[in-house]
Structure formats: structure tokens, C-alpha cells
Amino acid sequence: MYDLIIIGGGPAGAAAGVYASRKRLKTLLITSEWGGQSTESTDIQNWIGTPSIPGPELAKSLENHVRAYADDVLTFKEKVTATSIEKNTDGHFKVKTSDNEEFLSRTILIATGSKRRRLQVPGAEQFENKGLTYCASCDGPMFTGADVAVVGGGNAGFETAAQLLAYAKSVTLLHHSDIFKADPVTVERVLSDPKMKGILNADIIEVTGDKFVSDLRYKDKLSGEETTLPVTGIFVEIGMLPNTDFVKGFVPLDDYGRIKIDPWTQQTEMPGIWAAGDCTNILYHQNNISAGNAVTALENIYIDLKTK
């Protein structure tokens, strides 16, 4: 029987692991990989305390930090995923993993993160991290003085465009629909910048280049006309997919499949279960925020365990 099971090895899971160990909670950390989405970025420039770090290096740093404090209280279950959580009649929780093992715990912290919805066109996979990226906060400064494109017309797309305007020579935002989905005030403000252009009814056809992105091809849905847009950077913001399928029907989720939490405590609507990071219905999804939210959760989990 564990005091706590942490599910996830990204910034949230790692931060939780360090705090759980320091508080001497008997803990199991389950993760399929360390670092989460961080591993996809070649240069992360907004991880506080580290001006620049490759994603895989940050992942290793997170792992090393947790292991340094593991001592005899923290156990690791790696290269597997959690497949379900059940609540026993005694009030404890049973977590099943993809290798058909089961573990019991008094509390659970879900920190499984999310994954970016990928752009599914020829060349998108080939040029990922070679000009095509899914994180403006991580990679934006690398495109200083460049002509770039943003794919996606929601708030995330326009927020990405706004960030890029501080660095890029020009920003072109393409959206497949006939109306932008972002807040009208945001749309008006961002499109008012002389370096900014918005294109509606644009179906992305192909990403092309040599060793690095050089062009983005799209078709006008109304006229059928095809256009080649010369860009050296493409930022994709077409939505996130939270990694929460394994708790669907057990822990309440919002309309987007994200775990509903109390932002004051990070506790879910299921007593005994907390959640932190990109798998939750928080406003912003960032490494630093995920880690901070996990620390908040751990403080509350510790109080819950020690005052029962």
C-alpha cells in the first residue's frame, strides 16, 4: 500500500516526485517516459533558471533530480502507462498498468499531460523540429527576423502569432474555416500589426523544403487556387489532446477531455485524487506552470494524508 501514486514523468510528475520524497511519503511514480512534451523541442528557453536547454536534456535533468531524492521512499515503474484507476470498498485506489500489474494507494496524483494534435499533411512529420514546431514559447526566439506561418485560428493560434511578432519579420496565420475562432478583440488586436496577415478558408496541402522548411503550400477552399507561401518557420496550433482516456468515466472531465480540478488545491471532483499540468482544465499550459501546480497538489496531498 502506497501513500501516493504519481502517474506521469513530465515537469508536473517530476516536481511531485521530488516533493513527495522530501516529505517522506511512500510513493510510486509511474511513467512511460521522462520529460513529456519537453522532449520534442530542440531548444527550450523559458525553463526558469536555465536560459537554454534541449528538450531531451531537460527530461534527463528532471529524471536525475527525482532520483537524487528517491531514497527508500520513492519507487519507479517505468516504460508503462496507467490503464485504469478503481476505488475499492475500503476507500483506497487500485491502479492498473499496461503490463497487467496492479498497485494500491491511499491517494493519486494524475500528471499525464497532453499531446499536440499533429498537422497531417505531406512533409509535416519530415520537417518537425526542422522549422515546423508545436511550441512558440519554446522555439519562437530561434526565428528572429524570419518569415513564419501559424496554422490555427483559435485563441492559441493568435496568442502564438502575438508572441512571434516580437521576433519575426512577418507572420501569416492560416485558418481552415471562414471565420477565426479566437476572441474578436484578440483577432482585431493581432491583425492590426503591420507585420501580420490572416488568411481564412485555407486548407494546408504540404510542407516543403530541403534540410529545413522553406515553403508552406495551401489551397483556398472557395476558389480552389493553390498558393506557395515562402516561410522558414511553421507553428502549429490546432488543438491539444489530453492523456486522460484511462480515467474517462471515473474522474469528471470537461468538454475537451481535461480533468476538472479545484485551482486552489488541484484536487479533482473525486476525493483522494489530484491532478496537475496539461491534463487539467487550467488556462495556460507551460512547463513551469505544470511544475508549480504539482507542488501545490503535493502540499495538499500531504495535509490530507497527515490529518486523516
C-alpha atoms as a PDB file:
ATOM      1  CA  MET A   1       0.000   0.000   0.000  1.00  0.00           C
ATOM      2  CA  TYR A   2       1.447   3.357  -1.084  1.00  0.00           C
ATOM      3  CA  ASP A   3       0.661   6.749   0.396  1.00  0.00           C
ATOM      4  CA  LEU A   4       0.675   8.199  -3.097  1.00  0.00           C
ATOM      5  CA  ILE A   5       0.871   7.084  -6.718  1.00  0.00           C
ATOM      6  CA  ILE A   6       2.065   9.714  -9.206  1.00  0.00           C
ATOM      7  CA  ILE A   7       1.130   8.998 -12.816  1.00  0.00           C
ATOM      8  CA  GLY A   8       3.372  10.872 -15.255  1.00  0.00           C
ATOM      9  CA  GLY A   9       7.032  11.805 -15.639  1.00  0.00           C
ATOM     10  CA  GLY A  10       6.912  15.260 -17.170  1.00  0.00           C
ATOM     11  CA  PRO A  11       7.588  18.522 -15.306  1.00  0.00           C
ATOM     12  CA  ALA A  12       4.480  18.015 -13.133  1.00  0.00           C
ATOM     13  CA  GLY A  13       5.205  14.384 -12.293  1.00  0.00           C
ATOM     14  CA  ALA A  14       8.879  15.090 -11.609  1.00  0.00           C
ATOM     15  CA  ALA A  15       8.127  18.051  -9.345  1.00  0.00           C
ATOM     16  CA  ALA A  16       5.610  15.939  -7.470  1.00  0.00           C
ATOM     17  CA  GLY A  17       8.151  13.138  -7.109  1.00  0.00           C
ATOM     18  CA  VAL A  18      10.744  15.454  -5.570  1.00  0.00           C
ATOM     19  CA  TYR A  19       8.253  16.900  -3.083  1.00  0.00           C
ATOM     20  CA  ALA A  20       6.798  13.505  -2.195  1.00  0.00           C
ATOM     21  CA  SER A  21      10.277  12.181  -1.470  1.00  0.00           C
ATOM     22  CA  ARG A  22      11.224  15.199   0.625  1.00  0.00           C
ATOM     23  CA  LYS A  23       8.031  14.754   2.640  1.00  0.00           C
ATOM     24  CA  ARG A  24       8.843  11.047   3.141  1.00  0.00           C
ATOM     25  CA  LEU A  25       5.636   9.802   1.548  1.00  0.00           C
ATOM     26  CA  LYS A  26       5.769   6.189   0.410  1.00  0.00           C
ATOM     27  CA  THR A  27       5.306   6.845  -3.305  1.00  0.00           C
ATOM     28  CA  LEU A  28       5.162   5.017  -6.624  1.00  0.00           C
ATOM     29  CA  LEU A  29       5.872   7.047  -9.780  1.00  0.00           C
ATOM     30  CA  ILE A  30       4.516   5.508 -12.986  1.00  0.00           C
ATOM     31  CA  THR A  31       5.776   6.922 -16.285  1.00  0.00           C
ATOM     32  CA  SER A  32       6.115   5.799 -19.877  1.00  0.00           C
ATOM     33  CA  GLU A  33       8.889   8.348 -20.444  1.00  0.00           C
ATOM     34  CA  TRP A  34      10.568  11.273 -18.714  1.00  0.00           C
ATOM     35  CA  GLY A  35      10.053  14.860 -19.833  1.00  0.00           C
ATOM     36  CA  GLY A  36       6.656  14.686 -21.531  1.00  0.00           C
ATOM     37  CA  GLN A  37       6.283  17.089 -24.459  1.00  0.00           C
ATOM     38  CA  SER A  38       9.581  18.741 -23.497  1.00  0.00           C
ATOM     39  CA  THR A  39      11.470  16.048 -25.380  1.00  0.00           C
ATOM     40  CA  GLU A  40      10.070  17.367 -28.677  1.00  0.00           C
ATOM     41  CA  SER A  41      11.809  20.741 -28.500  1.00  0.00           C
ATOM     42  CA  THR A  42      15.389  21.249 -29.622  1.00  0.00           C
ATOM     43  CA  ASP A  43      15.859  24.407 -27.555  1.00  0.00           C
ATOM     44  CA  ILE A  44      13.723  25.374 -24.540  1.00  0.00           C
ATOM     45  CA  GLN A  45      14.390  28.969 -23.473  1.00  0.00           C
ATOM     46  CA  ASN A  46      11.699  29.541 -20.855  1.00  0.00           C
ATOM     47  CA  TRP A  47      12.507  26.908 -18.205  1.00  0.00           C
ATOM     48  CA  ILE A  48      13.209  29.175 -15.253  1.00  0.00           C
ATOM     49  CA  GLY A  49      16.822  29.104 -14.118  1.00  0.00           C
ATOM     50  CA  THR A  50      18.101  27.686 -17.405  1.00  0.00           C
ATOM     51  CA  PRO A  51      18.433  30.177 -20.299  1.00  0.00           C
ATOM     52  CA  SER A  52      18.611  27.447 -22.927  1.00  0.00           C
ATOM     53  CA  ILE A  53      18.318  23.679 -22.790  1.00  0.00           C
ATOM     54  CA  PRO A  54      17.449  20.964 -25.345  1.00  0.00           C
ATOM     55  CA  GLY A  55      14.243  19.084 -24.561  1.00  0.00           C
ATOM     56  CA  PRO A  56      15.903  15.671 -24.096  1.00  0.00           C
ATOM     57  CA  GLU A  57      18.435  17.251 -21.746  1.00  0.00           C
ATOM     58  CA  LEU A  58      15.671  18.823 -19.668  1.00  0.00           C
ATOM     59  CA  ALA A  59      13.941  15.437 -19.490  1.00  0.00           C
ATOM     60  CA  LYS A  60      17.139  13.841 -18.188  1.00  0.00           C
ATOM     61  CA  SER A  61      17.591  16.653 -15.690  1.00  0.00           C
ATOM     62  CA  LEU A  62      14.076  16.113 -14.348  1.00  0.00           C
ATOM     63  CA  GLU A  63      14.706  12.380 -14.009  1.00  0.00           C
ATOM     64  CA  ASN A  64      18.045  12.919 -12.267  1.00  0.00           C
ATOM     65  CA  HIS A  65      16.521  15.363  -9.794  1.00  0.00           C
ATOM     66  CA  VAL A  66      13.792  12.908  -8.800  1.00  0.00           C
ATOM     67  CA  ARG A  67      16.232  10.009  -8.487  1.00  0.00           C
ATOM     68  CA  ALA A  68      18.577  12.106  -6.335  1.00  0.00           C
ATOM     69  CA  TYR A  69      15.876  12.368  -3.665  1.00  0.00           C
ATOM     70  CA  ALA A  70      14.193   8.991  -4.146  1.00  0.00           C
ATOM     71  CA  ASP A  71      15.982   7.350  -1.216  1.00  0.00           C
ATOM     72  CA  ASP A  72      13.938   4.431   0.128  1.00  0.00           C
ATOM     73  CA  VAL A  73      10.515   6.121  -0.131  1.00  0.00           C
ATOM     74  CA  LEU A  74      10.073   6.547  -3.880  1.00  0.00           C
ATOM     75  CA  THR A  75       9.721   3.588  -6.256  1.00  0.00           C
ATOM     76  CA  PHE A  76       9.703   3.850 -10.053  1.00  0.00           C
ATOM     77  CA  LYS A  77       7.558   1.953 -12.539  1.00  0.00           C
ATOM     78  CA  GLU A  78       8.894   2.966 -15.956  1.00  0.00           C
ATOM     79  CA  LYS A  79       8.113   2.412 -19.640  1.00  0.00           C
ATOM     80  CA  VAL A  80       4.491   1.569 -18.882  1.00  0.00           C
ATOM     81  CA  THR A  81       1.252   3.537 -18.801  1.00  0.00           C
ATOM     82  CA  ALA A  82      -1.627   3.515 -16.350  1.00  0.00           C
ATOM     83  CA  THR A  83      -4.642   1.893 -17.968  1.00  0.00           C
ATOM     84  CA  SER A  84      -7.271   2.403 -15.269  1.00  0.00           C
ATOM     85  CA  ILE A  85      -7.996   3.579 -11.724  1.00  0.00           C
ATOM     86  CA  GLU A  86     -10.595   1.965  -9.489  1.00  0.00           C
ATOM     87  CA  LYS A  87     -11.783   2.784  -5.982  1.00  0.00           C
ATOM     88  CA  ASN A  88     -12.038  -0.153  -3.606  1.00  0.00           C
ATOM     89  CA  THR A  89     -14.725  -0.563  -0.977  1.00  0.00           C
ATOM     90  CA  ASP A  90     -12.203   0.414   1.712  1.00  0.00           C
ATOM     91  CA  GLY A  91     -11.690   3.817   0.051  1.00  0.00           C
ATOM     92  CA  HIS A  92      -8.246   3.046  -1.349  1.00  0.00           C
ATOM     93  CA  PHE A  93      -7.378   3.175  -5.040  1.00  0.00           C
ATOM     94  CA  LYS A  94      -6.165   0.463  -7.398  1.00  0.00           C
ATOM     95  CA  VAL A  95      -4.088   1.483 -10.424  1.00  0.00           C
ATOM     96  CA  LYS A  96      -3.645  -0.977 -13.273  1.00  0.00           C
ATOM     97  CA  THR A  97      -0.735  -0.630 -15.706  1.00  0.00           C
ATOM     98  CA  SER A  98      -0.163  -1.659 -19.308  1.00  0.00           C
ATOM     99  CA  ASP A  99       1.932  -4.654 -18.232  1.00  0.00           C
ATOM    100  CA  ASN A 100      -1.039  -6.041 -16.255  1.00  0.00           C
ATOM    101  CA  GLU A 101       0.244  -5.126 -12.793  1.00  0.00           C
ATOM    102  CA  GLU A 102      -1.878  -3.590 -10.040  1.00  0.00           C
ATOM    103  CA  PHE A 103      -0.897  -1.162  -7.276  1.00  0.00           C
ATOM    104  CA  LEU A 104      -2.784   0.147  -4.248  1.00  0.00           C
ATOM    105  CA  SER A 105      -2.592   3.657  -2.844  1.00  0.00           C
ATOM    106  CA  ARG A 106      -4.309   5.991  -0.427  1.00  0.00           C
ATOM    107  CA  THR A 107      -4.069   8.943  -2.840  1.00  0.00           C
ATOM    108  CA  ILE A 108      -3.388   9.559  -6.540  1.00  0.00           C
ATOM    109  CA  LEU A 109      -1.839  12.433  -8.476  1.00  0.00           C
ATOM    110  CA  ILE A 110      -2.538  12.357 -12.225  1.00  0.00           C
ATOM    111  CA  ALA A 111       0.109  14.241 -14.212  1.00  0.00           C
ATOM    112  CA  THR A 112      -0.181  12.556 -17.607  1.00  0.00           C
ATOM    113  CA  GLY A 113      -0.009  15.755 -19.649  1.00  0.00           C
ATOM    114  CA  SER A 114      -1.318  16.060 -23.172  1.00  0.00           C
ATOM    115  CA  LYS A 115      -0.168  15.723 -26.740  1.00  0.00           C
ATOM    116  CA  ARG A 116      -0.375  18.181 -29.594  1.00  0.00           C
ATOM    117  CA  ARG A 117      -2.815  17.490 -32.380  1.00  0.00           C
ATOM    118  CA  ARG A 118      -0.448  16.886 -35.291  1.00  0.00           C
ATOM    119  CA  LEU A 119      -0.650  18.501 -38.696  1.00  0.00           C
ATOM    120  CA  GLN A 120      -1.496  15.624 -41.032  1.00  0.00           C
ATOM    121  CA  VAL A 121      -0.124  16.695 -44.409  1.00  0.00           C
ATOM    122  CA  PRO A 122       2.861  15.567 -46.518  1.00  0.00           C
ATOM    123  CA  GLY A 123       6.113  16.941 -45.139  1.00  0.00           C
ATOM    124  CA  ALA A 124       4.774  17.818 -41.670  1.00  0.00           C
ATOM    125  CA  GLU A 125       6.367  14.851 -39.931  1.00  0.00           C
ATOM    126  CA  GLN A 126       9.541  15.094 -42.023  1.00  0.00           C
ATOM    127  CA  PHE A 127      10.180  18.724 -41.052  1.00  0.00           C
ATOM    128  CA  GLU A 128       9.125  18.546 -37.403  1.00  0.00           C
ATOM    129  CA  ASN A 129      11.849  20.298 -35.372  1.00  0.00           C
ATOM    130  CA  LYS A 130      13.363  21.385 -38.702  1.00  0.00           C
ATOM    131  CA  GLY A 131      11.308  24.527 -38.995  1.00  0.00           C
ATOM    132  CA  LEU A 132       7.926  23.055 -38.084  1.00  0.00           C
ATOM    133  CA  THR A 133       7.196  23.253 -34.369  1.00  0.00           C
ATOM    134  CA  TYR A 134       4.355  22.991 -31.885  1.00  0.00           C
ATOM    135  CA  CYS A 135       5.702  25.378 -29.224  1.00  0.00           C
ATOM    136  CA  ALA A 136       6.126  29.100 -29.843  1.00  0.00           C
ATOM    137  CA  SER A 137       7.170  29.748 -26.241  1.00  0.00           C
ATOM    138  CA  CYS A 138       9.976  27.201 -26.628  1.00  0.00           C
ATOM    139  CA  ASP A 139      11.136  27.914 -30.158  1.00  0.00           C
ATOM    140  CA  GLY A 140       9.923  31.391 -31.122  1.00  0.00           C
ATOM    141  CA  PRO A 141      13.189  33.303 -30.496  1.00  0.00           C
ATOM    142  CA  MET A 142      15.001  30.944 -32.867  1.00  0.00           C
ATOM    143  CA  PHE A 143      13.073  32.569 -35.756  1.00  0.00           C
ATOM    144  CA  THR A 144      14.144  36.167 -35.184  1.00  0.00           C
ATOM    145  CA  GLY A 145      13.970  38.090 -38.443  1.00  0.00           C
ATOM    146  CA  ALA A 146      12.278  35.226 -40.312  1.00  0.00           C
ATOM    147  CA  ASP A 147       9.055  34.927 -42.291  1.00  0.00           C
ATOM    148  CA  VAL A 148       6.874  32.438 -40.405  1.00  0.00           C
ATOM    149  CA  ALA A 149       3.396  30.937 -40.544  1.00  0.00           C
ATOM    150  CA  VAL A 150       0.917  29.940 -37.849  1.00  0.00           C
ATOM    151  CA  VAL A 151      -1.624  27.200 -38.576  1.00  0.00           C
ATOM    152  CA  GLY A 152      -4.748  27.560 -36.427  1.00  0.00           C
ATOM    153  CA  GLY A 153      -7.348  30.287 -35.921  1.00  0.00           C
ATOM    154  CA  GLY A 154      -8.312  29.874 -32.281  1.00  0.00           C
ATOM    155  CA  ASN A 155      -7.048  31.794 -29.256  1.00  0.00           C
ATOM    156  CA  ALA A 156      -3.922  29.629 -29.082  1.00  0.00           C
ATOM    157  CA  GLY A 157      -3.107  30.414 -32.716  1.00  0.00           C
ATOM    158  CA  PHE A 158      -3.486  34.151 -32.233  1.00  0.00           C
ATOM    159  CA  GLU A 159      -1.562  34.104 -28.957  1.00  0.00           C
ATOM    160  CA  THR A 160       1.244  32.282 -30.772  1.00  0.00           C
ATOM    161  CA  ALA A 161       1.150  34.874 -33.562  1.00  0.00           C
ATOM    162  CA  ALA A 162       1.330  37.684 -30.998  1.00  0.00           C
ATOM    163  CA  GLN A 163       4.428  36.114 -29.441  1.00  0.00           C
ATOM    164  CA  LEU A 164       6.086  35.657 -32.830  1.00  0.00           C
ATOM    165  CA  LEU A 165       5.516  39.269 -33.856  1.00  0.00           C
ATOM    166  CA  ALA A 166       8.153  40.222 -31.294  1.00  0.00           C
ATOM    167  CA  TYR A 167      10.775  38.224 -33.215  1.00  0.00           C
ATOM    168  CA  ALA A 168       9.702  37.508 -36.770  1.00  0.00           C
ATOM    169  CA  LYS A 169       9.969  39.629 -39.894  1.00  0.00           C
ATOM    170  CA  SER A 170       6.405  38.635 -40.821  1.00  0.00           C
ATOM    171  CA  VAL A 171       3.707  36.316 -39.504  1.00  0.00           C
ATOM    172  CA  THR A 172       0.980  34.742 -41.664  1.00  0.00           C
ATOM    173  CA  LEU A 173      -1.839  32.942 -39.859  1.00  0.00           C
ATOM    174  CA  LEU A 174      -3.869  30.383 -41.820  1.00  0.00           C
ATOM    175  CA  HIS A 175      -7.239  29.020 -40.712  1.00  0.00           C
ATOM    176  CA  HIS A 176      -9.359  26.393 -42.464  1.00  0.00           C
ATOM    177  CA  SER A 177     -12.720  27.976 -41.643  1.00  0.00           C
ATOM    178  CA  ASP A 178     -14.408  31.150 -42.916  1.00  0.00           C
ATOM    179  CA  ILE A 179     -14.209  32.837 -39.525  1.00  0.00           C
ATOM    180  CA  PHE A 180     -11.494  32.992 -36.889  1.00  0.00           C
ATOM    181  CA  LYS A 181     -12.439  31.204 -33.655  1.00  0.00           C
ATOM    182  CA  ALA A 182     -10.359  33.427 -31.374  1.00  0.00           C
ATOM    183  CA  ASP A 183     -11.936  36.204 -29.315  1.00  0.00           C
ATOM    184  CA  PRO A 184     -12.835  39.135 -31.615  1.00  0.00           C
ATOM    185  CA  VAL A 185     -10.813  41.585 -29.527  1.00  0.00           C
ATOM    186  CA  THR A 186      -7.743  39.348 -29.832  1.00  0.00           C
ATOM    187  CA  VAL A 187      -8.228  38.924 -33.576  1.00  0.00           C
ATOM    188  CA  GLU A 188      -8.520  42.670 -34.110  1.00  0.00           C
ATOM    189  CA  ARG A 189      -5.501  43.484 -31.960  1.00  0.00           C
ATOM    190  CA  VAL A 190      -3.164  40.916 -33.519  1.00  0.00           C
ATOM    191  CA  LEU A 191      -4.207  41.547 -37.124  1.00  0.00           C
ATOM    192  CA  SER A 192      -3.663  45.284 -36.654  1.00  0.00           C
ATOM    193  CA  ASP A 193       0.088  44.729 -36.576  1.00  0.00           C
ATOM    194  CA  PRO A 194       1.593  45.674 -39.979  1.00  0.00           C
ATOM    195  CA  LYS A 195       3.780  42.543 -39.919  1.00  0.00           C
ATOM    196  CA  MET A 196       0.697  40.322 -39.526  1.00  0.00           C
ATOM    197  CA  LYS A 197      -1.597  38.726 -42.115  1.00  0.00           C
ATOM    198  CA  GLY A 198      -4.585  36.427 -41.604  1.00  0.00           C
ATOM    199  CA  ILE A 199      -5.892  34.034 -44.267  1.00  0.00           C
ATOM    200  CA  LEU A 200      -9.266  32.274 -43.995  1.00  0.00           C
ATOM    201  CA  ASN A 201     -10.557  29.188 -45.858  1.00  0.00           C
ATOM    202  CA  ALA A 202      -7.029  27.851 -46.176  1.00  0.00           C
ATOM    203  CA  ASP A 203      -6.525  24.095 -46.453  1.00  0.00           C
ATOM    204  CA  ILE A 204      -2.888  23.178 -45.820  1.00  0.00           C
ATOM    205  CA  ILE A 205      -1.625  20.895 -48.594  1.00  0.00           C
ATOM    206  CA  GLU A 206       2.076  20.332 -47.981  1.00  0.00           C
ATOM    207  CA  VAL A 207       5.193  21.417 -46.096  1.00  0.00           C
ATOM    208  CA  THR A 208       8.275  21.534 -48.309  1.00  0.00           C
ATOM    209  CA  GLY A 209      11.977  22.261 -48.003  1.00  0.00           C
ATOM    210  CA  ASP A 210      15.432  20.726 -48.202  1.00  0.00           C
ATOM    211  CA  LYS A 211      17.094  20.193 -44.848  1.00  0.00           C
ATOM    212  CA  PHE A 212      14.847  22.852 -43.329  1.00  0.00           C
ATOM    213  CA  VAL A 213      11.382  24.221 -44.041  1.00  0.00           C
ATOM    214  CA  SER A 214      11.256  26.634 -46.981  1.00  0.00           C
ATOM    215  CA  ASP A 215       7.582  26.724 -48.053  1.00  0.00           C
ATOM    216  CA  LEU A 216       4.029  26.024 -46.962  1.00  0.00           C
ATOM    217  CA  ARG A 217       1.502  25.136 -49.676  1.00  0.00           C
ATOM    218  CA  TYR A 218      -2.209  25.730 -49.164  1.00  0.00           C
ATOM    219  CA  LYS A 219      -5.429  25.789 -51.202  1.00  0.00           C
ATOM    220  CA  ASP A 220      -8.241  28.326 -50.991  1.00  0.00           C
ATOM    221  CA  LYS A 221     -11.355  26.265 -50.161  1.00  0.00           C
ATOM    222  CA  LEU A 222     -13.628  28.637 -52.091  1.00  0.00           C
ATOM    223  CA  SER A 223     -11.681  29.293 -55.298  1.00  0.00           C
ATOM    224  CA  GLY A 224      -9.571  26.137 -55.362  1.00  0.00           C
ATOM    225  CA  GLU A 225      -6.481  28.244 -56.039  1.00  0.00           C
ATOM    226  CA  GLU A 226      -3.230  26.832 -54.667  1.00  0.00           C
ATOM    227  CA  THR A 227      -0.562  29.102 -53.177  1.00  0.00           C
ATOM    228  CA  THR A 228       3.015  28.522 -52.067  1.00  0.00           C
ATOM    229  CA  LEU A 229       3.944  30.642 -49.047  1.00  0.00           C
ATOM    230  CA  PRO A 230       7.714  31.096 -48.547  1.00  0.00           C
ATOM    231  CA  VAL A 231       8.432  30.631 -44.815  1.00  0.00           C
ATOM    232  CA  THR A 232      11.256  29.197 -42.743  1.00  0.00           C
ATOM    233  CA  GLY A 233       9.125  28.555 -39.680  1.00  0.00           C
ATOM    234  CA  ILE A 234       5.704  26.942 -39.217  1.00  0.00           C
ATOM    235  CA  PHE A 235       3.967  26.995 -35.825  1.00  0.00           C
ATOM    236  CA  VAL A 236       1.051  24.585 -35.484  1.00  0.00           C
ATOM    237  CA  GLU A 237      -1.765  25.377 -33.031  1.00  0.00           C
ATOM    238  CA  ILE A 238      -4.672  23.113 -33.955  1.00  0.00           C
ATOM    239  CA  GLY A 239      -5.528  21.834 -30.504  1.00  0.00           C
ATOM    240  CA  MET A 240      -4.387  19.593 -27.685  1.00  0.00           C
ATOM    241  CA  LEU A 241      -5.401  16.051 -26.782  1.00  0.00           C
ATOM    242  CA  PRO A 242      -5.186  15.418 -23.013  1.00  0.00           C
ATOM    243  CA  ASN A 243      -3.912  11.992 -21.987  1.00  0.00           C
ATOM    244  CA  THR A 244      -6.964  11.175 -19.898  1.00  0.00           C
ATOM    245  CA  ASP A 245      -8.694   8.277 -21.678  1.00  0.00           C
ATOM    246  CA  PHE A 246      -7.753   5.911 -18.853  1.00  0.00           C
ATOM    247  CA  VAL A 247      -9.858   7.880 -16.318  1.00  0.00           C
ATOM    248  CA  LYS A 248     -12.832   8.654 -18.544  1.00  0.00           C
ATOM    249  CA  GLY A 249     -15.998   7.816 -16.625  1.00  0.00           C
ATOM    250  CA  PHE A 250     -14.131   7.704 -13.320  1.00  0.00           C
ATOM    251  CA  VAL A 251     -12.846  11.252 -12.805  1.00  0.00           C
ATOM    252  CA  PRO A 252     -15.045  14.106 -14.105  1.00  0.00           C
ATOM    253  CA  LEU A 253     -13.694  15.690 -17.314  1.00  0.00           C
ATOM    254  CA  ASP A 254     -14.624  18.869 -19.155  1.00  0.00           C
ATOM    255  CA  ASP A 255     -15.894  19.028 -22.745  1.00  0.00           C
ATOM    256  CA  TYR A 256     -12.314  18.798 -24.036  1.00  0.00           C
ATOM    257  CA  GLY A 257     -11.456  15.689 -22.032  1.00  0.00           C
ATOM    258  CA  ARG A 258      -9.376  17.582 -19.457  1.00  0.00           C
ATOM    259  CA  ILE A 259      -9.609  16.713 -15.774  1.00  0.00           C
ATOM    260  CA  LYS A 260     -11.646  19.197 -13.759  1.00  0.00           C
ATOM    261  CA  ILE A 261      -9.709  20.480 -10.750  1.00  0.00           C
ATOM    262  CA  ASP A 262     -10.124  22.978  -7.951  1.00  0.00           C
ATOM    263  CA  PRO A 263      -7.419  25.554  -8.814  1.00  0.00           C
ATOM    264  CA  TRP A 264      -6.980  26.339  -5.124  1.00  0.00           C
ATOM    265  CA  THR A 265      -5.885  22.787  -4.264  1.00  0.00           C
ATOM    266  CA  GLN A 266      -5.555  20.882  -7.591  1.00  0.00           C
ATOM    267  CA  GLN A 267      -7.999  18.297  -6.212  1.00  0.00           C
ATOM    268  CA  THR A 268     -10.391  16.633  -8.652  1.00  0.00           C
ATOM    269  CA  GLU A 269     -14.074  16.084  -8.011  1.00  0.00           C
ATOM    270  CA  MET A 270     -13.156  12.562  -6.859  1.00  0.00           C
ATOM    271  CA  PRO A 271     -11.950  12.749  -3.226  1.00  0.00           C
ATOM    272  CA  GLY A 272      -8.449  11.330  -2.868  1.00  0.00           C
ATOM    273  CA  ILE A 273      -7.393  12.144  -6.433  1.00  0.00           C
ATOM    274  CA  TRP A 274      -5.486  15.245  -7.510  1.00  0.00           C
ATOM    275  CA  ALA A 275      -4.288  16.287 -10.961  1.00  0.00           C
ATOM    276  CA  ALA A 276      -1.720  18.753 -12.271  1.00  0.00           C
ATOM    277  CA  GLY A 277      -0.324  20.004 -15.556  1.00  0.00           C
ATOM    278  CA  ASP A 278      -1.578  19.823 -19.119  1.00  0.00           C
ATOM    279  CA  CYS A 279      -4.108  17.073 -18.458  1.00  0.00           C
ATOM    280  CA  THR A 280      -6.179  19.514 -16.362  1.00  0.00           C
ATOM    281  CA  ASN A 281      -8.606  22.302 -17.273  1.00  0.00           C
ATOM    282  CA  ILE A 282      -6.227  25.125 -16.367  1.00  0.00           C
ATOM    283  CA  LEU A 283      -5.974  28.264 -18.502  1.00  0.00           C
ATOM    284  CA  TYR A 284      -2.300  28.056 -19.515  1.00  0.00           C
ATOM    285  CA  HIS A 285      -0.181  25.030 -20.384  1.00  0.00           C
ATOM    286  CA  GLN A 286       3.526  25.591 -19.713  1.00  0.00           C
ATOM    287  CA  ASN A 287       6.308  23.542 -18.115  1.00  0.00           C
ATOM    288  CA  ASN A 288       6.801  25.993 -15.263  1.00  0.00           C
ATOM    289  CA  ILE A 289       3.080  26.183 -14.534  1.00  0.00           C
ATOM    290  CA  SER A 290       2.754  22.392 -14.565  1.00  0.00           C
ATOM    291  CA  ALA A 291       5.588  22.011 -12.061  1.00  0.00           C
ATOM    292  CA  GLY A 292       4.137  24.691  -9.792  1.00  0.00           C
ATOM    293  CA  ASN A 293       0.666  23.151  -9.896  1.00  0.00           C
ATOM    294  CA  ALA A 294       2.129  19.764  -8.945  1.00  0.00           C
ATOM    295  CA  VAL A 295       3.841  21.317  -5.929  1.00  0.00           C
ATOM    296  CA  THR A 296       0.505  22.839  -4.897  1.00  0.00           C
ATOM    297  CA  ALA A 297      -1.097  19.410  -5.230  1.00  0.00           C
ATOM    298  CA  LEU A 298       1.622  17.750  -3.135  1.00  0.00           C
ATOM    299  CA  GLU A 299       1.234  20.249  -0.324  1.00  0.00           C
ATOM    300  CA  ASN A 300      -2.483  19.475  -0.212  1.00  0.00           C
ATOM    301  CA  ILE A 301      -1.985  15.710  -0.534  1.00  0.00           C
ATOM    302  CA  TYR A 302       0.449  15.784   2.384  1.00  0.00           C
ATOM    303  CA  ILE A 303      -2.041  17.684   4.546  1.00  0.00           C
ATOM    304  CA  ASP A 304      -4.813  15.294   3.538  1.00  0.00           C
ATOM    305  CA  LEU A 305      -2.745  12.215   4.424  1.00  0.00           C
ATOM    306  CA  LYS A 306      -1.451  13.559   7.706  1.00  0.00           C
ATOM    307  CA  THR A 307      -4.727  14.925   9.044  1.00  0.00           C
ATOM    308  CA  LYS A 308      -6.939  11.891   8.398  1.00  0.00           C
END
